[in-house]
Amino acid sequence: MTEEPNQEKSASLSGADLVSISQQYKTDDIYAMSLLQPLLSNYTYLPFTGSSLRPFCLIHILNDIVINGRKSIIEFGSGISTVLIGRLIKKNKLNAKLLSIENDENWVKALMGILKTEQIDDVVTLHYAPLKFTKLALDRNKWYDVKALKAVVQGRKFDMVIIDGPAAWEPGKGRSRYPAVPFIAGKLDKNFSIYLDDAIRPGEREVIKMWEAEYGIHFSIASRSLAYCYRGTSFNTEPFSYYLF
């Protein structure tokens, strides 16, 4: 997902809070990068940027796919996660498919080139959906073209939802990711997981509270930035969780 750095993250945090968060991110991500090596070594280089899902978040999601046997995955906002999930499916010979939704046409073309080069385009479907006004959205924000998406998801059920788009860093767009759950709610399997990136931001926190109230689900926060929800029979897949007694 291509997104600019977000100043909103730090709007309500003290300097000490920011230092603590930065240190936790670095510690968690350094360890996570070592766990990602089977999907990075002996492959073409993938650029990690500030817009990418953090390594910790990627491991959390990849763990879930393997441990809970997720087979039908939909992702809003394409990026490094799209490629790594494709690699995982191929490398582990999983019976799974990924549908990735992206609103940036140039980014779609670039990613399609990577998917084809790595021969993982048979397990990953990348779909371009421009942002349009929709009744599902809040604050007069745009979301992915609902009419186009309905045709793509017709007759399908999903057991994993990854929400890392559209961009929500600009003023007034903090709740722009809200439509994802209202759109996909009726297309979920009895056992499913939902992930929302950038959950440290006020906008995403508001969206989470609304989803919980409206759909009777509960989100936890991992490493301060990844919100996740399980429904049905699922094993916990949070990386290196430590419980002190």
Protein backbone atom coordinates (compact mmCIF):
# COMPACT_ATOMS: atom_id res chain seq x y z
CA MET A 1 0.00 0.00 0.00
CA THR A 2 1.48 3.34 -1.03
CA GLU A 3 0.91 5.85 1.76
CA GLU A 4 2.65 8.97 2.97
CA PRO A 5 4.06 9.28 6.50
CA ASN A 6 1.38 10.16 9.03
CA GLN A 7 1.70 13.01 11.49
CA GLU A 8 -1.58 12.03 13.17
CA LYS A 9 0.15 9.10 14.83
CA SER A 10 2.07 11.39 17.12
CA ALA A 11 -0.62 14.03 17.65
CA SER A 12 -1.74 12.77 21.08
CA LEU A 13 1.49 11.11 22.26
CA SER A 14 4.21 12.55 24.47
CA GLY A 15 7.88 12.50 23.56
CA ALA A 16 8.47 9.68 26.04
CA ASP A 17 5.61 7.68 24.51
CA LEU A 18 7.06 8.09 21.03
CA VAL A 19 10.49 6.92 22.18
CA SER A 20 8.97 3.88 23.88
CA ILE A 21 6.90 3.00 20.81
CA SER A 22 9.88 3.45 18.50
CA GLN A 23 12.00 1.15 20.65
CA GLN A 24 9.30 -1.52 20.74
CA TYR A 25 8.82 -1.32 16.97
CA LYS A 26 12.53 -1.75 16.36
CA THR A 27 12.85 -4.69 18.76
CA ASP A 28 9.80 -6.49 17.43
CA ASP A 29 10.65 -5.84 13.78
CA ILE A 30 14.28 -6.90 14.04
CA TYR A 31 13.21 -10.24 15.46
CA ALA A 32 10.40 -10.56 12.91
CA MET A 33 12.82 -9.96 10.03
CA SER A 34 14.76 -13.05 11.08
CA LEU A 35 11.54 -15.08 10.96
CA LEU A 36 10.77 -13.72 7.48
CA GLN A 37 14.05 -14.95 5.99
CA PRO A 38 12.58 -18.09 4.35
CA LEU A 39 10.41 -15.77 2.24
CA LEU A 40 13.19 -13.24 1.54
CA SER A 41 16.35 -15.28 0.96
CA ASN A 42 16.98 -16.51 -2.60
CA TYR A 43 14.23 -14.27 -3.95
CA THR A 44 14.45 -10.93 -5.73
CA TYR A 45 14.82 -7.94 -3.41
CA LEU A 46 11.62 -6.44 -2.01
CA PRO A 47 11.80 -2.84 -0.77
CA PHE A 48 10.58 -2.22 2.78
CA THR A 49 9.44 1.38 3.21
CA GLY A 50 7.49 3.40 5.77
CA SER A 51 4.36 2.53 3.79
CA SER A 52 4.91 -1.21 4.07
CA LEU A 53 3.31 -3.43 6.66
CA ARG A 54 5.79 -3.79 9.50
CA PRO A 55 7.71 -7.10 9.64
CA PHE A 56 6.01 -7.92 12.95
CA CYS A 57 2.58 -7.44 11.36
CA LEU A 58 3.54 -9.55 8.37
CA ILE A 59 4.64 -12.43 10.61
CA HIS A 60 1.37 -12.22 12.57
CA ILE A 61 -0.64 -12.56 9.34
CA LEU A 62 1.56 -15.27 7.81
CA ASN A 63 1.36 -17.26 11.05
CA ASP A 64 -2.42 -17.10 10.87
CA ILE A 65 -2.50 -18.35 7.28
CA VAL A 66 -0.41 -21.40 8.17
CA ILE A 67 -1.62 -22.21 11.69
CA ASN A 68 -5.33 -21.66 11.07
CA GLY A 69 -5.34 -22.83 7.47
CA ARG A 70 -6.79 -19.67 5.93
CA LYS A 71 -7.77 -20.46 2.36
CA SER A 72 -9.65 -17.45 0.99
CA ILE A 73 -7.96 -14.14 1.76
CA ILE A 74 -8.97 -10.63 0.74
CA GLU A 75 -6.64 -7.68 1.14
CA PHE A 76 -7.52 -3.99 0.84
CA GLY A 77 -4.32 -2.15 -0.07
CA SER A 78 -1.63 -4.04 -1.99
CA GLY A 79 2.09 -4.09 -1.28
CA ILE A 80 4.87 -6.21 0.14
CA SER A 81 2.28 -8.32 1.98
CA THR A 82 0.75 -9.26 -1.38
CA VAL A 83 4.03 -10.70 -2.62
CA LEU A 84 4.99 -12.42 0.64
CA ILE A 85 1.60 -14.09 0.98
CA GLY A 86 1.94 -15.33 -2.60
CA ARG A 87 5.42 -16.66 -1.86
CA LEU A 88 4.17 -18.39 1.30
CA ILE A 89 1.30 -20.09 -0.54
CA LYS A 90 3.67 -21.37 -3.24
CA LYS A 91 6.57 -22.31 -0.96
CA ASN A 92 4.41 -24.19 1.55
CA LYS A 93 2.12 -25.59 -1.17
CA LEU A 94 -0.95 -24.26 0.59
CA ASN A 95 -4.48 -24.61 -0.68
CA ALA A 96 -5.08 -20.86 -0.50
CA LYS A 97 -5.75 -17.88 -2.75
CA LEU A 98 -5.33 -14.13 -2.22
CA LEU A 99 -7.50 -11.41 -3.74
CA SER A 100 -5.77 -8.04 -3.37
CA ILE A 101 -7.60 -4.75 -3.99
CA GLU A 102 -5.64 -1.61 -4.93
CA ASN A 103 -6.69 1.87 -6.06
CA ASP A 104 -3.39 3.04 -7.56
CA GLU A 105 -3.28 1.84 -11.18
CA ASN A 106 0.47 2.38 -11.60
CA TRP A 107 1.15 0.44 -8.40
CA VAL A 108 -1.05 -2.38 -9.67
CA LYS A 109 1.01 -2.58 -12.88
CA ALA A 110 4.27 -2.64 -10.92
CA LEU A 111 3.06 -5.39 -8.60
CA MET A 112 1.66 -7.43 -11.47
CA GLY A 113 5.13 -7.48 -12.97
CA ILE A 114 6.57 -8.89 -9.74
CA LEU A 115 3.82 -11.50 -9.39
CA LYS A 116 4.33 -12.72 -12.96
CA THR A 117 8.12 -12.75 -12.68
CA GLU A 118 7.93 -14.85 -9.52
CA GLN A 119 5.18 -17.04 -11.01
CA ILE A 120 2.81 -16.48 -8.14
CA ASP A 121 0.09 -14.77 -10.17
CA ASP A 122 -1.85 -18.05 -10.18
CA VAL A 123 -2.39 -17.82 -6.41
CA VAL A 124 -2.67 -14.02 -6.16
CA THR A 125 -5.31 -12.00 -8.01
CA LEU A 126 -4.61 -8.28 -8.09
CA HIS A 127 -7.67 -6.15 -8.81
CA TYR A 128 -7.64 -2.45 -9.63
CA ALA A 129 -10.55 -0.56 -8.02
CA PRO A 130 -10.50 3.26 -8.15
CA LEU A 131 -11.75 5.24 -5.18
CA LYS A 132 -15.31 6.50 -5.48
CA PHE A 133 -17.93 8.03 -3.22
CA THR A 134 -20.10 5.41 -1.50
CA LYS A 135 -22.86 5.35 1.10
CA LEU A 136 -20.72 2.96 3.14
CA ALA A 137 -18.08 5.63 3.79
CA LEU A 138 -17.88 8.15 6.62
CA ASP A 139 -17.00 11.86 6.47
CA ARG A 140 -17.65 11.98 2.72
CA ASN A 141 -14.53 9.92 2.11
CA LYS A 142 -14.07 7.77 -0.95
CA TRP A 143 -13.59 4.01 -0.89
CA TYR A 144 -12.93 1.30 -3.45
CA ASP A 145 -15.48 1.11 -6.28
CA VAL A 146 -18.21 -0.97 -4.61
CA LYS A 147 -19.94 -1.90 -7.87
CA ALA A 148 -16.72 -3.31 -9.30
CA LEU A 149 -15.89 -5.15 -6.06
CA LYS A 150 -19.29 -6.81 -5.84
CA ALA A 151 -18.65 -8.49 -9.17
CA VAL A 152 -15.22 -9.69 -8.02
CA VAL A 153 -16.40 -11.20 -4.70
CA GLN A 154 -19.66 -12.61 -6.07
CA GLY A 155 -20.32 -16.07 -4.62
CA ARG A 156 -17.15 -16.10 -2.52
CA LYS A 157 -16.59 -16.48 1.22
CA PHE A 158 -13.45 -15.19 2.93
CA ASP A 159 -11.72 -16.41 6.08
CA MET A 160 -9.13 -13.63 6.30
CA VAL A 161 -9.44 -9.89 5.73
CA ILE A 162 -6.39 -7.58 5.68
CA ILE A 163 -7.14 -3.84 5.74
CA ASP A 164 -4.21 -1.59 4.90
CA GLY A 165 -5.96 0.79 2.52
CA PRO A 166 -7.03 3.15 1.25
CA ALA A 167 -4.66 5.85 2.53
CA ALA A 168 -5.90 7.33 5.80
CA TRP A 169 -3.11 9.65 6.85
CA GLU A 170 -4.45 12.95 5.50
CA PRO A 171 -6.62 15.27 7.63
CA GLY A 172 -10.28 14.30 7.32
CA LYS A 173 -9.49 10.79 6.08
CA GLY A 174 -8.81 9.15 9.43
CA ARG A 175 -11.92 6.95 9.17
CA SER A 176 -11.61 6.18 5.46
CA ARG A 177 -11.06 2.44 6.09
CA TYR A 178 -14.40 2.01 7.84
CA PRO A 179 -16.32 0.57 4.81
CA ALA A 180 -14.19 -2.59 4.67
CA VAL A 181 -16.09 -4.51 7.35
CA PRO A 182 -19.61 -3.35 6.31
CA PHE A 183 -18.78 -4.42 2.76
CA ILE A 184 -17.30 -7.81 3.59
CA ALA A 185 -19.38 -8.78 6.66
CA GLY A 186 -21.90 -10.85 4.71
CA LYS A 187 -19.14 -12.65 2.80
CA LEU A 188 -17.21 -14.07 5.77
CA ASP A 189 -16.73 -17.73 6.61
CA LYS A 190 -17.84 -19.00 10.04
CA ASN A 191 -14.15 -19.00 11.08
CA PHE A 192 -12.33 -15.82 10.10
CA SER A 193 -9.78 -13.21 11.09
CA ILE A 194 -9.68 -9.48 10.36
CA TYR A 195 -6.54 -7.32 10.47
CA LEU A 196 -6.35 -3.52 10.46
CA ASP A 197 -2.97 -1.84 10.10
CA ASP A 198 -2.02 1.55 11.62
CA ALA A 199 -4.23 0.92 14.65
CA ILE A 200 -2.14 3.34 16.70
CA ARG A 201 -3.86 6.25 14.94
CA PRO A 202 -6.97 7.95 16.35
CA GLY A 203 -8.97 7.41 13.15
CA GLU A 204 -8.37 3.67 13.09
CA ARG A 205 -9.16 3.44 16.82
CA GLU A 206 -12.54 5.10 16.18
CA VAL A 207 -13.22 2.71 13.31
CA ILE A 208 -12.43 -0.29 15.53
CA LYS A 209 -14.90 0.89 18.20
CA MET A 210 -17.60 1.29 15.55
CA TRP A 211 -16.99 -2.18 14.10
CA GLU A 212 -17.07 -3.73 17.56
CA ALA A 213 -20.36 -2.02 18.43
CA GLU A 214 -22.02 -2.73 15.09
CA TYR A 215 -20.86 -6.31 14.44
CA GLY A 216 -20.34 -7.78 17.90
CA ILE A 217 -16.67 -8.51 17.31
CA HIS A 218 -13.65 -7.71 19.47
CA PHE A 219 -10.23 -6.49 18.39
CA SER A 220 -6.92 -6.87 20.18
CA ILE A 221 -3.84 -4.74 19.44
CA ALA A 222 -0.47 -6.35 18.75
CA SER A 223 2.79 -4.38 19.02
CA ARG A 224 0.69 -1.20 19.34
CA SER A 225 -0.09 -0.95 15.62
CA LEU A 226 -1.89 -4.07 14.33
CA ALA A 227 -5.52 -4.62 15.31
CA TYR A 228 -6.79 -8.16 14.89
CA CYS A 229 -10.01 -10.04 15.45
CA TYR A 230 -10.73 -13.78 15.42
CA ARG A 231 -14.19 -15.33 15.09
CA GLY A 232 -14.92 -19.03 15.41
CA THR A 233 -12.29 -21.68 16.03
CA SER A 234 -8.85 -20.12 15.69
CA PHE A 235 -5.47 -20.49 17.36
CA ASN A 236 -3.67 -17.36 18.51
CA THR A 237 -0.96 -16.37 16.05
CA GLU A 238 0.54 -13.25 17.63
CA PRO A 239 4.35 -13.50 17.29
CA PHE A 240 6.35 -14.02 20.45
CA SER A 241 3.59 -13.08 22.90
CA TYR A 242 4.92 -12.95 26.44
CA TYR A 243 2.59 -13.48 29.38
CA LEU A 244 3.92 -12.52 32.79
CA PHE A 245 2.35 -14.07 35.85
